[in-house]
C-alpha atoms as a PDB file:
ATOM      1  CA  MET A   1      48.532  32.384 -29.445  1.00  0.00           C
ATOM      2  CA  THR A   2      50.773  30.238 -27.177  1.00  0.00           C
ATOM      3  CA  SER A   3      53.917  31.973 -25.917  1.00  0.00           C
ATOM      4  CA  ILE A   4      57.034  30.249 -25.821  1.00  0.00           C
ATOM      5  CA  LEU A   5      58.392  32.396 -23.082  1.00  0.00           C
ATOM      6  CA  PRO A   6      57.044  32.699 -19.372  1.00  0.00           C
ATOM      7  CA  VAL A   7      53.501  33.495 -18.868  1.00  0.00           C
ATOM      8  CA  SER A   8      54.227  35.751 -15.746  1.00  0.00           C
ATOM      9  CA  HIS A   9      56.950  38.262 -17.208  1.00  0.00           C
ATOM     10  CA  PRO A  10      57.743  37.644 -21.255  1.00  0.00           C
ATOM     11  CA  ARG A  11      58.518  41.381 -21.606  1.00  0.00           C
ATOM     12  CA  ARG A  12      61.174  41.087 -19.615  1.00  0.00           C
ATOM     13  CA  VAL A  13      62.528  37.524 -20.780  1.00  0.00           C
ATOM     14  CA  LEU A  14      61.833  38.485 -24.175  1.00  0.00           C
ATOM     15  CA  LEU A  15      63.997  41.528 -23.387  1.00  0.00           C
ATOM     16  CA  ARG A  16      67.051  39.313 -21.964  1.00  0.00           C
ATOM     17  CA  PHE A  17      66.997  36.850 -24.801  1.00  0.00           C
ATOM     18  CA  VAL A  18      67.960  38.996 -27.396  1.00  0.00           C
ATOM     19  CA  ALA A  19      70.121  41.403 -25.173  1.00  0.00           C
ATOM     20  CA  LEU A  20      72.097  38.753 -24.319  1.00  0.00           C
ATOM     21  CA  ALA A  21      71.816  36.711 -28.138  1.00  0.00           C
ATOM     22  CA  LEU A  22      73.383  40.298 -29.143  1.00  0.00           C
ATOM     23  CA  VAL A  23      76.292  40.564 -26.500  1.00  0.00           C
ATOM     24  CA  LEU A  24      77.195  36.799 -27.394  1.00  0.00           C
ATOM     25  CA  MET A  25      77.290  37.617 -31.095  1.00  0.00           C
ATOM     26  CA  ALA A  26      79.165  40.847 -30.469  1.00  0.00           C
ATOM     27  CA  LEU A  27      81.976  38.735 -27.801  1.00  0.00           C
ATOM     28  CA  TYR A  28      82.228  36.554 -31.169  1.00  0.00           C
ATOM     29  CA  PHE A  29      82.602  38.993 -33.886  1.00  0.00           C
ATOM     30  CA  ALA A  30      85.281  41.207 -31.854  1.00  0.00           C
ATOM     31  CA  ALA A  31      87.318  37.732 -31.385  1.00  0.00           C
ATOM     32  CA  SER A  32      86.935  36.349 -34.673  1.00  0.00           C
ATOM     33  CA  SER A  33      88.180  39.987 -35.957  1.00  0.00           C
ATOM     34  CA  THR A  34      91.794  39.344 -33.991  1.00  0.00           C
ATOM     35  CA  GLU A  35      94.707  37.859 -35.954  1.00  0.00           C
ATOM     36  CA  ALA A  36      95.091  35.613 -33.191  1.00  0.00           C
ATOM     37  CA  TYR A  37      91.691  33.863 -33.758  1.00  0.00           C
ATOM     38  CA  ARG A  38      92.773  34.345 -37.763  1.00  0.00           C
ATOM     39  CA  VAL A  39      96.049  31.952 -37.562  1.00  0.00           C
ATOM     40  CA  ALA A  40      94.731  29.671 -34.706  1.00  0.00           C
ATOM     41  CA  VAL A  41      90.803  29.107 -35.094  1.00  0.00           C
ATOM     42  CA  SER A  42      90.419  30.871 -38.577  1.00  0.00           C
ATOM     43  CA  GLN A  43      92.778  29.417 -41.100  1.00  0.00           C
ATOM     44  CA  PRO A  44      93.224  25.710 -40.099  1.00  0.00           C
ATOM     45  CA  TYR A  45      89.812  25.612 -39.842  1.00  0.00           C
ATOM     46  CA  LEU A  46      89.249  27.033 -43.783  1.00  0.00           C
ATOM     47  CA  ARG A  47      91.656  24.656 -45.071  1.00  0.00           C
ATOM     48  CA  TRP A  48      89.853  21.928 -43.109  1.00  0.00           C
ATOM     49  CA  THR A  49      86.491  22.561 -45.121  1.00  0.00           C
ATOM     50  CA  ALA A  50      88.457  22.736 -47.897  1.00  0.00           C
ATOM     51  CA  SER A  51      90.008  19.460 -47.778  1.00  0.00           C
ATOM     52  CA  ALA A  52      86.729  17.703 -46.144  1.00  0.00           C
ATOM     53  CA  THR A  53      85.017  19.831 -49.700  1.00  0.00           C
ATOM     54  CA  GLY A  54      87.722  17.700 -51.940  1.00  0.00           C
ATOM     55  CA  ALA A  55      86.851  14.281 -50.314  1.00  0.00           C
ATOM     56  CA  LEU A  56      83.270  14.843 -50.473  1.00  0.00           C
ATOM     57  CA  LEU A  57      83.780  15.417 -54.387  1.00  0.00           C
ATOM     58  CA  ARG A  58      86.410  12.788 -54.563  1.00  0.00           C
ATOM     59  CA  LEU A  59      83.715  10.430 -53.276  1.00  0.00           C
ATOM     60  CA  LEU A  60      80.842  12.029 -55.620  1.00  0.00           C
ATOM     61  CA  SER A  61      84.059  10.889 -58.792  1.00  0.00           C
ATOM     62  CA  VAL A  62      83.718  14.163 -59.856  1.00  0.00           C
ATOM     63  CA  ASP A  63      86.877  14.809 -62.667  1.00  0.00           C
ATOM     64  CA  GLY A  64      89.516  16.668 -61.422  1.00  0.00           C
ATOM     65  CA  ALA A  65      88.356  17.117 -57.735  1.00  0.00           C
ATOM     66  CA  ALA A  66      91.396  18.099 -55.116  1.00  0.00           C
ATOM     67  CA  ALA A  67      92.145  20.217 -52.443  1.00  0.00           C
ATOM     68  CA  ARG A  68      95.309  21.925 -51.796  1.00  0.00           C
ATOM     69  CA  GLY A  69      95.674  24.571 -48.519  1.00  0.00           C
ATOM     70  CA  GLY A  70      92.245  26.883 -48.637  1.00  0.00           C
ATOM     71  CA  LEU A  71      91.532  25.823 -52.237  1.00  0.00           C
ATOM     72  CA  VAL A  72      89.033  23.352 -53.883  1.00  0.00           C
ATOM     73  CA  TYR A  73      89.770  22.420 -57.552  1.00  0.00           C
ATOM     74  CA  ALA A  74      87.518  20.533 -60.033  1.00  0.00           C
ATOM     75  CA  GLY A  75      86.242  20.434 -63.368  1.00  0.00           C
ATOM     76  CA  GLY A  76      88.873  23.208 -64.446  1.00  0.00           C
ATOM     77  CA  PHE A  77      87.257  25.667 -61.479  1.00  0.00           C
ATOM     78  CA  ALA A  78      89.319  26.778 -58.566  1.00  0.00           C
ATOM     79  CA  LEU A  79      87.205  28.004 -55.516  1.00  0.00           C
ATOM     80  CA  ARG A  80      89.383  29.716 -52.595  1.00  0.00           C
ATOM     81  CA  VAL A  81      87.603  29.098 -49.171  1.00  0.00           C
ATOM     82  CA  ASP A  82      87.359  31.849 -47.165  1.00  0.00           C
ATOM     83  CA  ARG A  83      85.765  33.619 -44.584  1.00  0.00           C
ATOM     84  CA  GLY A  84      82.416  33.988 -45.017  1.00  0.00           C
ATOM     85  CA  CYS A  85      83.029  30.012 -46.455  1.00  0.00           C
ATOM     86  CA  ASP A  86      83.287  28.635 -43.293  1.00  0.00           C
ATOM     87  CA  ALA A  87      79.705  28.437 -41.726  1.00  0.00           C
ATOM     88  CA  SER A  88      81.527  30.381 -38.307  1.00  0.00           C
ATOM     89  CA  THR A  89      79.015  32.709 -38.438  1.00  0.00           C
ATOM     90  CA  GLU A  90      75.928  30.564 -38.484  1.00  0.00           C
ATOM     91  CA  CYS A  91      77.466  28.852 -35.933  1.00  0.00           C
ATOM     92  CA  ALA A  92      78.121  31.408 -33.566  1.00  0.00           C
ATOM     93  CA  VAL A  93      74.458  32.393 -34.036  1.00  0.00           C
ATOM     94  CA  PHE A  94      72.655  29.361 -33.661  1.00  0.00           C
ATOM     95  CA  ALA A  95      74.967  28.719 -30.521  1.00  0.00           C
ATOM     96  CA  ALA A  96      74.035  32.759 -29.453  1.00  0.00           C
ATOM     97  CA  LEU A  97      70.235  32.069 -29.974  1.00  0.00           C
ATOM     98  CA  ILE A  98      70.687  28.935 -27.827  1.00  0.00           C
ATOM     99  CA  ILE A  99      72.651  30.101 -24.620  1.00  0.00           C
ATOM    100  CA  ALA A 100      70.363  32.888 -24.826  1.00  0.00           C
ATOM    101  CA  PHE A 101      67.196  31.169 -24.543  1.00  0.00           C
ATOM    102  CA  PRO A 102      65.624  30.204 -21.118  1.00  0.00           C
ATOM    103  CA  ALA A 103      66.308  26.708 -21.148  1.00  0.00           C
ATOM    104  CA  ALA A 104      67.803  23.727 -19.170  1.00  0.00           C
ATOM    105  CA  PHE A 105      71.514  23.517 -19.435  1.00  0.00           C
ATOM    106  CA  VAL A 106      71.650  19.752 -20.762  1.00  0.00           C
ATOM    107  CA  ARG A 107      69.308  20.656 -23.453  1.00  0.00           C
ATOM    108  CA  LYS A 108      71.749  23.587 -24.499  1.00  0.00           C
ATOM    109  CA  LEU A 109      74.670  20.557 -23.869  1.00  0.00           C
ATOM    110  CA  VAL A 110      72.704  18.534 -26.378  1.00  0.00           C
ATOM    111  CA  ALA A 111      72.159  20.985 -28.943  1.00  0.00           C
ATOM    112  CA  ILE A 112      74.940  22.769 -29.607  1.00  0.00           C
ATOM    113  CA  PRO A 113      77.526  20.480 -30.587  1.00  0.00           C
ATOM    114  CA  SER A 114      75.171  18.714 -32.544  1.00  0.00           C
ATOM    115  CA  GLY A 115      73.389  21.461 -34.221  1.00  0.00           C
ATOM    116  CA  VAL A 116      77.001  22.683 -35.340  1.00  0.00           C
ATOM    117  CA  ALA A 117      77.919  19.834 -36.952  1.00  0.00           C
ATOM    118  CA  VAL A 118      74.982  19.714 -38.962  1.00  0.00           C
ATOM    119  CA  LEU A 119      75.544  23.479 -39.923  1.00  0.00           C
ATOM    120  CA  VAL A 120      79.401  22.396 -41.150  1.00  0.00           C
ATOM    121  CA  ALA A 121      78.246  19.147 -42.801  1.00  0.00           C
ATOM    122  CA  LEU A 122      75.626  21.513 -45.024  1.00  0.00           C
ATOM    123  CA  ASN A 123      78.525  24.014 -45.275  1.00  0.00           C
ATOM    124  CA  ILE A 124      80.752  20.858 -46.776  1.00  0.00           C
ATOM    125  CA  PHE A 125      77.497  20.753 -48.963  1.00  0.00           C
ATOM    126  CA  ARG A 126      77.550  23.843 -49.803  1.00  0.00           C
ATOM    127  CA  VAL A 127      81.145  24.166 -50.616  1.00  0.00           C
ATOM    128  CA  ALA A 128      80.901  21.766 -52.850  1.00  0.00           C
ATOM    129  CA  SER A 129      77.728  22.531 -54.975  1.00  0.00           C
ATOM    130  CA  LEU A 130      79.704  26.161 -54.892  1.00  0.00           C
ATOM    131  CA  VAL A 131      82.503  24.128 -56.625  1.00  0.00           C
ATOM    132  CA  LEU A 132      80.301  22.348 -59.061  1.00  0.00           C
ATOM    133  CA  ALA A 133      78.493  25.286 -59.963  1.00  0.00           C
ATOM    134  CA  GLY A 134      81.345  27.069 -60.926  1.00  0.00           C
ATOM    135  CA  ALA A 135      82.621  24.168 -63.020  1.00  0.00           C
ATOM    136  CA  TYR A 136      79.572  23.061 -64.905  1.00  0.00           C
ATOM    137  CA  THR A 137      77.293  26.181 -65.209  1.00  0.00           C
ATOM    138  CA  PRO A 138      79.093  29.254 -64.074  1.00  0.00           C
ATOM    139  CA  ALA A 139      76.063  31.408 -64.674  1.00  0.00           C
ATOM    140  CA  LEU A 140      74.533  30.324 -61.545  1.00  0.00           C
ATOM    141  CA  PHE A 141      78.131  30.527 -59.516  1.00  0.00           C
ATOM    142  CA  GLU A 142      77.719  34.061 -58.582  1.00  0.00           C
ATOM    143  CA  TRP A 143      73.739  33.810 -57.505  1.00  0.00           C
ATOM    144  CA  LEU A 144      74.308  30.784 -55.376  1.00  0.00           C
ATOM    145  CA  HIS A 145      77.603  32.050 -53.675  1.00  0.00           C
ATOM    146  CA  VAL A 146      76.139  35.635 -52.914  1.00  0.00           C
ATOM    147  CA  GLU A 147      72.073  35.273 -53.132  1.00  0.00           C
ATOM    148  CA  PHE A 148      71.018  31.738 -52.768  1.00  0.00           C
ATOM    149  CA  TRP A 149      73.766  30.451 -49.504  1.00  0.00           C
ATOM    150  CA  GLN A 150      74.334  33.179 -47.866  1.00  0.00           C
ATOM    151  CA  VAL A 151      70.712  33.889 -46.990  1.00  0.00           C
ATOM    152  CA  ALA A 152      69.710  30.051 -46.600  1.00  0.00           C
ATOM    153  CA  PHE A 153      72.491  29.767 -44.310  1.00  0.00           C
ATOM    154  CA  ILE A 154      71.082  32.124 -42.077  1.00  0.00           C
ATOM    155  CA  LEU A 155      67.873  30.932 -42.140  1.00  0.00           C
ATOM    156  CA  LEU A 156      69.306  26.910 -41.610  1.00  0.00           C
ATOM    157  CA  ALA A 157      70.742  28.100 -38.186  1.00  0.00           C
ATOM    158  CA  VAL A 158      67.638  30.044 -37.142  1.00  0.00           C
ATOM    159  CA  GLY A 159      65.567  27.193 -38.259  1.00  0.00           C
ATOM    160  CA  LEU A 160      67.909  24.244 -36.426  1.00  0.00           C
ATOM    161  CA  TRP A 161      67.739  26.932 -33.451  1.00  0.00           C
ATOM    162  CA  ALA A 162      63.513  27.036 -33.830  1.00  0.00           C
ATOM    163  CA  ALA A 163      63.579  22.919 -34.505  1.00  0.00           C
ATOM    164  CA  TRP A 164      65.033  22.853 -30.808  1.00  0.00           C
ATOM    165  CA  LEU A 165      62.609  24.954 -29.102  1.00  0.00           C
ATOM    166  CA  PRO A 166      59.990  22.448 -28.518  1.00  0.00           C
ATOM    167  CA  TRP A 167      62.505  19.922 -26.941  1.00  0.00           C
ATOM    168  CA  ALA A 168      64.032  22.472 -25.116  1.00  0.00           C
ATOM    169  CA  ILE A 169      60.843  24.167 -23.785  1.00  0.00           C
ATOM    170  CA  ARG A 170      59.186  20.521 -22.267  1.00  0.00           C
ATOM    171  CA  SER A 171      60.535  19.821 -18.781  1.00  0.00           C
ATOM    172  CA  SER A 172      62.424  23.235 -18.918  1.00  0.00           C
ATOM    173  CA  PRO A 173      62.329  24.814 -15.242  1.00  0.00           C
ATOM    174  CA  ALA A 174      63.256  28.227 -16.734  1.00  0.00           C
ATOM    175  CA  VAL A 175      60.086  27.785 -19.148  1.00  0.00           C
ATOM    176  CA  SER A 176      57.580  25.571 -17.691  1.00  0.00           C
ATOM    177  CA  GLY A 177      53.832  25.747 -18.000  1.00  0.00           C
ATOM    178  CA  LEU A 178      54.203  26.401 -21.755  1.00  0.00           C
ATOM    179  CA  ALA A 179      52.575  24.629 -24.045  1.00  0.00           C
ATOM    180  CA  GLY A 180      54.819  22.574 -26.459  1.00  0.00           C
END
């Protein structure tokens, strides 16, 4: 079995990776629970997410598609885009895994904005799918909202990180000598 960690001290490197990722996530959760974060970052981003979702639904010619404030409307259904609907935790998980992994800095600089952009775009699709489910198949809404998308989005974030690994490992001094 091929290791993705330096061969000389894989346990130490693995522990450092896990510890750093956990510390970064703890810092994110501490910062994101403050009032300053809520006012300066979260609320504007939630309104932007609602607006972008409304624009996507209008682009798809969905009846009654609109967005006002943090609400998205379509087909007589309204959805409030709230914490948990913003993919910020998933973006933080992705960024923490990238930062914590021992790879070349330049590869991290490419991966973080690219991966976050993918997650943000997919999140707009996710919110749009929830609005459509609420409007046209209400029985499916709760399952999609709680069961499917919650799990799928964490898996997407981790999957993007896993897809980045082979590229990160190549030509990286921190993980040289590994199979890519």
